[in-house]
Amino acid sequence: MQREIAPRIVVDENVRFGRPVIAGTRVPIDVLVGQVAGGATVEAVAGEYGVAREDVLAALAYAARQLAEEQVRAVS
């Protein structure tokens, strides 16, 4: 069963082992974010994976929210 977890982003246990993907595709969020982090433009990533520019931006926003919620503590 597909469940929307953020705008344009869904999870489905039958698609990519339940990892977040762009709605209506099998394109994983981590792949899109990784491509942009590697220096590709948002437009180039969108074109390469057949998604909209807004989908790539949604993936970046989702990743930023996930990191903002993560709790990391320095331990010495």
Protein backbone atom coordinates (compact mmCIF):
# COMPACT_ATOMS: atom_id res chain seq x y z
CA MET A 1 0.00 0.00 0.00
CA GLN A 2 1.37 3.38 -1.03
CA ARG A 3 1.60 6.15 1.56
CA GLU A 4 2.54 9.78 0.97
CA ILE A 5 5.17 10.86 3.49
CA ALA A 6 5.88 14.31 2.03
CA PRO A 7 4.69 16.32 -0.96
CA ARG A 8 5.54 14.30 -4.12
CA ILE A 9 7.19 11.55 -2.06
CA VAL A 10 5.71 8.14 -1.26
CA VAL A 11 6.67 4.82 0.26
CA ASP A 12 5.28 1.45 -0.74
CA GLU A 13 6.56 -1.85 0.62
CA ASN A 14 6.32 -3.28 -2.91
CA VAL A 15 8.43 -0.54 -4.52
CA ARG A 16 12.16 -0.29 -3.84
CA PHE A 17 11.81 -2.26 -0.60
CA GLY A 18 9.74 0.51 0.97
CA ARG A 19 12.34 3.26 0.45
CA PRO A 20 11.05 6.80 -0.34
CA VAL A 21 10.53 7.45 -4.05
CA ILE A 22 8.99 10.15 -6.22
CA ALA A 23 5.25 9.53 -6.49
CA GLY A 24 4.30 7.66 -9.65
CA THR A 25 7.86 6.47 -10.26
CA ARG A 26 10.45 4.09 -8.87
CA VAL A 27 13.05 6.86 -8.58
CA PRO A 28 14.58 6.83 -5.09
CA ILE A 29 14.97 10.08 -3.20
CA ASP A 30 18.54 9.28 -2.14
CA VAL A 31 19.61 8.91 -5.77
CA LEU A 32 18.27 12.34 -6.70
CA VAL A 33 19.85 13.99 -3.67
CA GLY A 34 23.13 12.21 -4.30
CA GLN A 35 23.26 13.39 -7.90
CA VAL A 36 22.75 17.02 -6.86
CA ALA A 37 25.31 16.62 -4.07
CA GLY A 38 27.72 15.30 -6.68
CA GLY A 39 27.46 18.53 -8.64
CA ALA A 40 24.67 17.87 -11.14
CA THR A 41 22.14 20.62 -11.66
CA VAL A 42 18.55 20.13 -10.59
CA GLU A 43 17.50 20.36 -14.24
CA ALA A 44 20.06 17.76 -15.34
CA VAL A 45 18.97 15.33 -12.64
CA ALA A 46 15.31 15.82 -13.50
CA GLY A 47 16.02 15.15 -17.16
CA GLU A 48 18.18 12.11 -16.49
CA TYR A 49 15.59 10.41 -14.29
CA GLY A 50 12.47 11.57 -16.13
CA VAL A 51 11.00 13.52 -13.24
CA ALA A 52 9.97 17.15 -12.87
CA ARG A 53 12.28 19.83 -11.52
CA GLU A 54 9.82 20.16 -8.62
CA ASP A 55 10.32 16.46 -7.82
CA VAL A 56 14.06 16.97 -7.38
CA LEU A 57 13.42 20.02 -5.20
CA ALA A 58 10.93 17.98 -3.14
CA ALA A 59 13.61 15.32 -2.66
CA LEU A 60 16.06 17.95 -1.43
CA ALA A 61 13.47 19.43 0.92
CA TYR A 62 12.65 15.97 2.29
CA ALA A 63 16.33 15.24 2.91
CA ALA A 64 16.77 18.58 4.67
CA ARG A 65 13.76 17.88 6.94
CA GLN A 66 15.10 14.43 7.77
CA LEU A 67 18.48 15.87 8.75
CA ALA A 68 16.86 18.64 10.78
CA GLU A 69 14.98 16.02 12.81
CA GLU A 70 18.04 13.81 13.34
CA GLN A 71 19.65 14.03 16.76
CA VAL A 72 23.41 13.74 16.72
CA ARG A 73 25.51 14.33 19.79
CA ALA A 74 29.25 14.75 19.97
CA VAL A 75 30.86 12.37 22.40
CA SER A 76 34.42 12.74 23.54
